Amino acid sequence: MDRWSLQGFHFQRYLEMFAENQTDLYMGNWASAWRRSDERWPRMKSSLLLRIPFVKLEALHLIGRAAFAAAAATGDVTLIERAERNAREIEKEKTSAWAQPFALAIRAGVESHRGAHDNAADTLSLAARAFEKWDLLLYAKPPTTATASSPAAPAEPPPPRVSRNGRTREGVLAFSPARDRRD
């Protein structure tokens, strides 16, 4: 990325931000994810990238999650409001029904932060089912890992359930000889 142009905000810069933020949020580096999002959002808004529906919705979701994570760690109410604004912006996309689970996932976090844990669980469940409906399986289930303090994964996990687009429930592409044949 060091050799890529710093003029404008290109798709490669978006992918860089996305990958770095996903990693930071997974690792618990919420401050880094939020700082990066806050710094790069104005440049991204001025680019034409947000005219691509999936990029816009995924970015709003990612930045909403970064804002929520930072708010949960610091108690900064303005960041919760930012996450809610992102959810509302996603909900405005009426032509993209597949976008709604992104907003639901953010709303579940906000509800949980406000102490409405039962509502949050219900909203998160709705989001997960909607992500599955639209084959957005990377978002449908949170990542799980075995740690020293948690039980190890079973020795023989059940076979993956494959969806219409060839992704497993865990979000990994499944190989299908019929579909993936290379002639």
C-alpha atoms as a PDB file:
ATOM      1  CA  MET A   1       0.000   0.000   0.000  1.00  0.00           C
ATOM      2  CA  ASP A   2       2.957   2.298   0.521  1.00  0.00           C
ATOM      3  CA  ARG A   3       3.366   2.637  -3.235  1.00  0.00           C
ATOM      4  CA  TRP A   4      -0.329   3.332  -3.875  1.00  0.00           C
ATOM      5  CA  SER A   5      -1.319   6.932  -4.577  1.00  0.00           C
ATOM      6  CA  LEU A   6      -2.235   9.111  -1.610  1.00  0.00           C
ATOM      7  CA  GLN A   7      -4.233  11.366  -3.957  1.00  0.00           C
ATOM      8  CA  GLY A   8      -7.941  10.784  -3.439  1.00  0.00           C
ATOM      9  CA  PHE A   9      -9.449   7.769  -1.703  1.00  0.00           C
ATOM     10  CA  HIS A  10      -9.340   4.691  -3.916  1.00  0.00           C
ATOM     11  CA  PHE A  11     -10.938   1.289  -3.467  1.00  0.00           C
ATOM     12  CA  GLN A  12      -7.585  -0.117  -2.358  1.00  0.00           C
ATOM     13  CA  ARG A  13      -7.508   2.381   0.518  1.00  0.00           C
ATOM     14  CA  TYR A  14     -11.016   1.350   1.493  1.00  0.00           C
ATOM     15  CA  LEU A  15      -9.979  -2.315   1.544  1.00  0.00           C
ATOM     16  CA  GLU A  16      -6.948  -1.392   3.633  1.00  0.00           C
ATOM     17  CA  MET A  17      -9.159   0.469   6.129  1.00  0.00           C
ATOM     18  CA  PHE A  18     -11.664  -2.392   6.171  1.00  0.00           C
ATOM     19  CA  ALA A  19      -9.013  -5.049   6.826  1.00  0.00           C
ATOM     20  CA  GLU A  20      -7.215  -3.003   9.478  1.00  0.00           C
ATOM     21  CA  ASN A  21     -10.467  -2.119  11.266  1.00  0.00           C
ATOM     22  CA  GLN A  22     -11.736  -5.695  11.193  1.00  0.00           C
ATOM     23  CA  THR A  23      -8.423  -6.848  12.686  1.00  0.00           C
ATOM     24  CA  ASP A  24      -8.388  -4.092  15.305  1.00  0.00           C
ATOM     25  CA  LEU A  25     -11.970  -4.779  16.379  1.00  0.00           C
ATOM     26  CA  TYR A  26     -11.289  -8.514  16.585  1.00  0.00           C
ATOM     27  CA  MET A  27      -8.158  -7.898  18.672  1.00  0.00           C
ATOM     28  CA  GLY A  28      -9.914  -5.378  20.947  1.00  0.00           C
ATOM     29  CA  ASN A  29      -8.000  -2.359  19.618  1.00  0.00           C
ATOM     30  CA  TRP A  30     -11.174  -0.265  19.470  1.00  0.00           C
ATOM     31  CA  ALA A  31      -9.317   3.067  19.801  1.00  0.00           C
ATOM     32  CA  SER A  32      -7.230   2.385  16.713  1.00  0.00           C
ATOM     33  CA  ALA A  33     -10.282   1.253  14.710  1.00  0.00           C
ATOM     34  CA  TRP A  34     -12.279   4.324  15.713  1.00  0.00           C
ATOM     35  CA  ARG A  35      -9.418   6.767  15.085  1.00  0.00           C
ATOM     36  CA  ARG A  36      -8.829   5.318  11.606  1.00  0.00           C
ATOM     37  CA  SER A  37     -12.558   5.415  10.790  1.00  0.00           C
ATOM     38  CA  ASP A  38     -12.957   8.971  11.995  1.00  0.00           C
ATOM     39  CA  GLU A  39      -9.884  10.165  10.080  1.00  0.00           C
ATOM     40  CA  ARG A  40     -10.694   8.432   6.787  1.00  0.00           C
ATOM     41  CA  TRP A  41     -14.482   8.858   6.607  1.00  0.00           C
ATOM     42  CA  PRO A  42     -14.377  12.433   5.240  1.00  0.00           C
ATOM     43  CA  ARG A  43     -12.009  11.370   2.438  1.00  0.00           C
ATOM     44  CA  MET A  44     -14.157   8.357   1.681  1.00  0.00           C
ATOM     45  CA  LYS A  45     -17.301  10.520   1.561  1.00  0.00           C
ATOM     46  CA  SER A  46     -15.681  12.841  -0.961  1.00  0.00           C
ATOM     47  CA  SER A  47     -14.725   9.913  -3.206  1.00  0.00           C
ATOM     48  CA  LEU A  48     -17.190   8.153  -5.488  1.00  0.00           C
ATOM     49  CA  LEU A  49     -16.900   4.881  -3.582  1.00  0.00           C
ATOM     50  CA  LEU A  50     -20.064   5.453  -1.560  1.00  0.00           C
ATOM     51  CA  ARG A  51     -22.052   5.294  -4.777  1.00  0.00           C
ATOM     52  CA  ILE A  52     -21.416   1.551  -4.754  1.00  0.00           C
ATOM     53  CA  PRO A  53     -24.234   0.250  -2.532  1.00  0.00           C
ATOM     54  CA  PHE A  54     -22.389  -2.628  -0.875  1.00  0.00           C
ATOM     55  CA  VAL A  55     -19.307  -0.493  -0.160  1.00  0.00           C
ATOM     56  CA  LYS A  56     -21.479   2.221   1.376  1.00  0.00           C
ATOM     57  CA  LEU A  57     -23.450  -0.194   3.553  1.00  0.00           C
ATOM     58  CA  GLU A  58     -20.441  -2.213   4.619  1.00  0.00           C
ATOM     59  CA  ALA A  59     -18.510   0.987   5.467  1.00  0.00           C
ATOM     60  CA  LEU A  60     -21.424   2.408   7.474  1.00  0.00           C
ATOM     61  CA  HIS A  61     -21.649  -0.887   9.358  1.00  0.00           C
ATOM     62  CA  LEU A  62     -17.896  -1.078   9.974  1.00  0.00           C
ATOM     63  CA  ILE A  63     -17.661   2.516  11.171  1.00  0.00           C
ATOM     64  CA  GLY A  64     -20.817   2.077  13.253  1.00  0.00           C
ATOM     65  CA  ARG A  65     -19.223  -0.952  14.934  1.00  0.00           C
ATOM     66  CA  ALA A  66     -15.982   0.974  15.534  1.00  0.00           C
ATOM     67  CA  ALA A  67     -17.969   3.852  17.069  1.00  0.00           C
ATOM     68  CA  PHE A  68     -19.951   1.436  19.230  1.00  0.00           C
ATOM     69  CA  ALA A  69     -16.811  -0.382  20.411  1.00  0.00           C
ATOM     70  CA  ALA A  70     -15.149   2.912  21.329  1.00  0.00           C
ATOM     71  CA  ALA A  71     -18.317   4.083  23.106  1.00  0.00           C
ATOM     72  CA  ALA A  72     -18.606   0.828  25.051  1.00  0.00           C
ATOM     73  CA  ALA A  73     -15.013   1.221  26.239  1.00  0.00           C
ATOM     74  CA  THR A  74     -15.108   4.950  27.027  1.00  0.00           C
ATOM     75  CA  GLY A  75     -18.763   5.672  27.806  1.00  0.00           C
ATOM     76  CA  ASP A  76     -18.755   8.445  25.181  1.00  0.00           C
ATOM     77  CA  VAL A  77     -22.456   8.929  24.361  1.00  0.00           C
ATOM     78  CA  THR A  78     -21.670  10.854  21.159  1.00  0.00           C
ATOM     79  CA  LEU A  79     -20.153   7.678  19.716  1.00  0.00           C
ATOM     80  CA  ILE A  80     -23.342   5.723  20.477  1.00  0.00           C
ATOM     81  CA  GLU A  81     -25.235   8.462  18.649  1.00  0.00           C
ATOM     82  CA  ARG A  82     -22.836   8.087  15.712  1.00  0.00           C
ATOM     83  CA  ALA A  83     -23.488   4.344  15.595  1.00  0.00           C
ATOM     84  CA  GLU A  84     -27.247   5.023  15.634  1.00  0.00           C
ATOM     85  CA  ARG A  85     -26.885   7.556  12.796  1.00  0.00           C
ATOM     86  CA  ASN A  86     -25.096   4.913  10.763  1.00  0.00           C
ATOM     87  CA  ALA A  87     -27.917   2.431  11.460  1.00  0.00           C
ATOM     88  CA  ARG A  88     -30.503   5.016  10.310  1.00  0.00           C
ATOM     89  CA  GLU A  89     -28.460   5.722   7.169  1.00  0.00           C
ATOM     90  CA  ILE A  90     -28.421   1.999   6.371  1.00  0.00           C
ATOM     91  CA  GLU A  91     -32.172   1.722   7.008  1.00  0.00           C
ATOM     92  CA  LYS A  92     -32.781   4.475   4.425  1.00  0.00           C
ATOM     93  CA  GLU A  93     -31.578   2.064   1.744  1.00  0.00           C
ATOM     94  CA  LYS A  94     -35.094   0.807   1.028  1.00  0.00           C
ATOM     95  CA  THR A  95     -34.090  -0.669  -2.339  1.00  0.00           C
ATOM     96  CA  SER A  96     -31.585  -2.969  -0.640  1.00  0.00           C
ATOM     97  CA  ALA A  97     -33.479  -5.341   1.636  1.00  0.00           C
ATOM     98  CA  TRP A  98     -30.220  -7.247   2.178  1.00  0.00           C
ATOM     99  CA  ALA A  99     -28.844  -4.122   3.890  1.00  0.00           C
ATOM    100  CA  GLN A 100     -31.249  -4.218   6.826  1.00  0.00           C
ATOM    101  CA  PRO A 101     -29.367  -6.817   8.912  1.00  0.00           C
ATOM    102  CA  PHE A 102     -26.371  -4.448   9.007  1.00  0.00           C
ATOM    103  CA  ALA A 103     -28.571  -1.841  10.707  1.00  0.00           C
ATOM    104  CA  LEU A 104     -30.096  -4.445  13.029  1.00  0.00           C
ATOM    105  CA  ALA A 105     -26.651  -5.581  14.167  1.00  0.00           C
ATOM    106  CA  ILE A 106     -25.683  -2.015  15.095  1.00  0.00           C
ATOM    107  CA  ARG A 107     -29.008  -1.467  16.850  1.00  0.00           C
ATOM    108  CA  ALA A 108     -28.482  -4.645  18.895  1.00  0.00           C
ATOM    109  CA  GLY A 109     -25.195  -3.252  20.192  1.00  0.00           C
ATOM    110  CA  VAL A 110     -26.789   0.070  21.069  1.00  0.00           C
ATOM    111  CA  GLU A 111     -29.673  -1.665  22.881  1.00  0.00           C
ATOM    112  CA  SER A 112     -27.213  -3.770  24.840  1.00  0.00           C
ATOM    113  CA  HIS A 113     -25.173  -0.697  25.760  1.00  0.00           C
ATOM    114  CA  ARG A 114     -28.349   0.935  27.094  1.00  0.00           C
ATOM    115  CA  GLY A 115     -29.134  -2.094  29.247  1.00  0.00           C
ATOM    116  CA  ALA A 116     -31.967  -3.537  27.134  1.00  0.00           C
ATOM    117  CA  HIS A 117     -30.263  -6.927  26.942  1.00  0.00           C
ATOM    118  CA  ASP A 118     -33.368  -8.962  26.065  1.00  0.00           C
ATOM    119  CA  ASN A 119     -34.243  -6.603  23.214  1.00  0.00           C
ATOM    120  CA  ALA A 120     -30.604  -6.649  22.092  1.00  0.00           C
ATOM    121  CA  ALA A 121     -30.576 -10.454  21.969  1.00  0.00           C
ATOM    122  CA  ASP A 122     -33.802 -10.495  19.949  1.00  0.00           C
ATOM    123  CA  THR A 123     -32.516  -7.836  17.552  1.00  0.00           C
ATOM    124  CA  LEU A 124     -29.206  -9.645  17.109  1.00  0.00           C
ATOM    125  CA  SER A 125     -31.066 -12.881  16.413  1.00  0.00           C
ATOM    126  CA  LEU A 126     -33.139 -11.104  13.746  1.00  0.00           C
ATOM    127  CA  ALA A 127     -29.946  -9.722  12.219  1.00  0.00           C
ATOM    128  CA  ALA A 128     -28.291 -13.162  12.150  1.00  0.00           C
ATOM    129  CA  ARG A 129     -31.321 -14.753  10.457  1.00  0.00           C
ATOM    130  CA  ALA A 130     -31.462 -11.942   7.897  1.00  0.00           C
ATOM    131  CA  PHE A 131     -27.734 -12.237   7.184  1.00  0.00           C
ATOM    132  CA  GLU A 132     -28.268 -15.963   6.590  1.00  0.00           C
ATOM    133  CA  LYS A 133     -31.280 -15.282   4.359  1.00  0.00           C
ATOM    134  CA  TRP A 134     -29.150 -13.056   2.119  1.00  0.00           C
ATOM    135  CA  ASP A 135     -26.140 -15.428   2.249  1.00  0.00           C
ATOM    136  CA  LEU A 136     -24.044 -12.836   4.095  1.00  0.00           C
ATOM    137  CA  LEU A 137     -22.692 -15.623   6.232  1.00  0.00           C
ATOM    138  CA  LEU A 138     -19.491 -13.876   7.281  1.00  0.00           C
ATOM    139  CA  TYR A 139     -21.735 -11.569   9.314  1.00  0.00           C
ATOM    140  CA  ALA A 140     -24.282 -14.142  10.483  1.00  0.00           C
ATOM    141  CA  LYS A 141     -22.217 -15.663  13.249  1.00  0.00           C
ATOM    142  CA  PRO A 142     -19.583 -14.071  15.485  1.00  0.00           C
ATOM    143  CA  PRO A 143     -16.096 -15.591  15.334  1.00  0.00           C
ATOM    144  CA  THR A 144     -15.208 -18.107  17.999  1.00  0.00           C
ATOM    145  CA  THR A 145     -11.776 -19.265  19.075  1.00  0.00           C
ATOM    146  CA  ALA A 146     -10.512 -21.679  21.676  1.00  0.00           C
ATOM    147  CA  THR A 147      -8.375 -20.020  24.338  1.00  0.00           C
ATOM    148  CA  ALA A 148      -6.603 -21.229  27.441  1.00  0.00           C
ATOM    149  CA  SER A 149      -9.637 -20.232  29.504  1.00  0.00           C
ATOM    150  CA  SER A 150     -12.270 -21.683  27.171  1.00  0.00           C
ATOM    151  CA  PRO A 151     -12.864 -25.281  26.198  1.00  0.00           C
ATOM    152  CA  ALA A 152     -11.160 -26.500  23.060  1.00  0.00           C
ATOM    153  CA  ALA A 153     -13.183 -27.152  19.946  1.00  0.00           C
ATOM    154  CA  PRO A 154     -14.545 -30.687  19.537  1.00  0.00           C
ATOM    155  CA  ALA A 155     -12.081 -33.125  17.977  1.00  0.00           C
ATOM    156  CA  GLU A 156     -14.360 -33.767  15.016  1.00  0.00           C
ATOM    157  CA  PRO A 157     -16.545 -30.790  14.124  1.00  0.00           C
ATOM    158  CA  PRO A 158     -19.756 -31.487  12.222  1.00  0.00           C
ATOM    159  CA  PRO A 159     -19.538 -31.109   8.445  1.00  0.00           C
ATOM    160  CA  PRO A 160     -20.166 -27.528   7.253  1.00  0.00           C
ATOM    161  CA  ARG A 161     -23.615 -26.608   5.991  1.00  0.00           C
ATOM    162  CA  VAL A 162     -23.228 -25.127   2.512  1.00  0.00           C
ATOM    163  CA  SER A 163     -25.539 -22.392   1.232  1.00  0.00           C
ATOM    164  CA  ARG A 164     -26.652 -21.657  -2.334  1.00  0.00           C
ATOM    165  CA  ASN A 165     -23.579 -19.541  -3.057  1.00  0.00           C
ATOM    166  CA  GLY A 166     -21.128 -22.206  -1.905  1.00  0.00           C
ATOM    167  CA  ARG A 167     -20.283 -20.627   1.442  1.00  0.00           C
ATOM    168  CA  THR A 168     -20.344 -22.635   4.610  1.00  0.00           C
ATOM    169  CA  ARG A 169     -22.260 -21.464   7.644  1.00  0.00           C
ATOM    170  CA  GLU A 170     -18.922 -20.267   8.992  1.00  0.00           C
ATOM    171  CA  GLY A 171     -18.453 -18.107   5.888  1.00  0.00           C
ATOM    172  CA  VAL A 172     -15.679 -20.066   4.196  1.00  0.00           C
ATOM    173  CA  LEU A 173     -16.028 -20.942   0.551  1.00  0.00           C
ATOM    174  CA  ALA A 174     -16.719 -24.623   0.142  1.00  0.00           C
ATOM    175  CA  PHE A 175     -15.201 -26.504  -2.771  1.00  0.00           C
ATOM    176  CA  SER A 176     -17.694 -28.158  -5.062  1.00  0.00           C
ATOM    177  CA  PRO A 177     -16.218 -30.250  -7.889  1.00  0.00           C
ATOM    178  CA  ALA A 178     -19.308 -29.643 -10.037  1.00  0.00           C
ATOM    179  CA  ARG A 179     -19.312 -25.887  -9.474  1.00  0.00           C
ATOM    180  CA  ASP A 180     -15.561 -25.272  -9.325  1.00  0.00           C
ATOM    181  CA  ARG A 181     -14.448 -27.521 -12.182  1.00  0.00           C
ATOM    182  CA  ARG A 182     -11.652 -25.945 -14.149  1.00  0.00           C
ATOM    183  CA  ASP A 183     -11.707 -27.068 -17.805  1.00  0.00           C
END
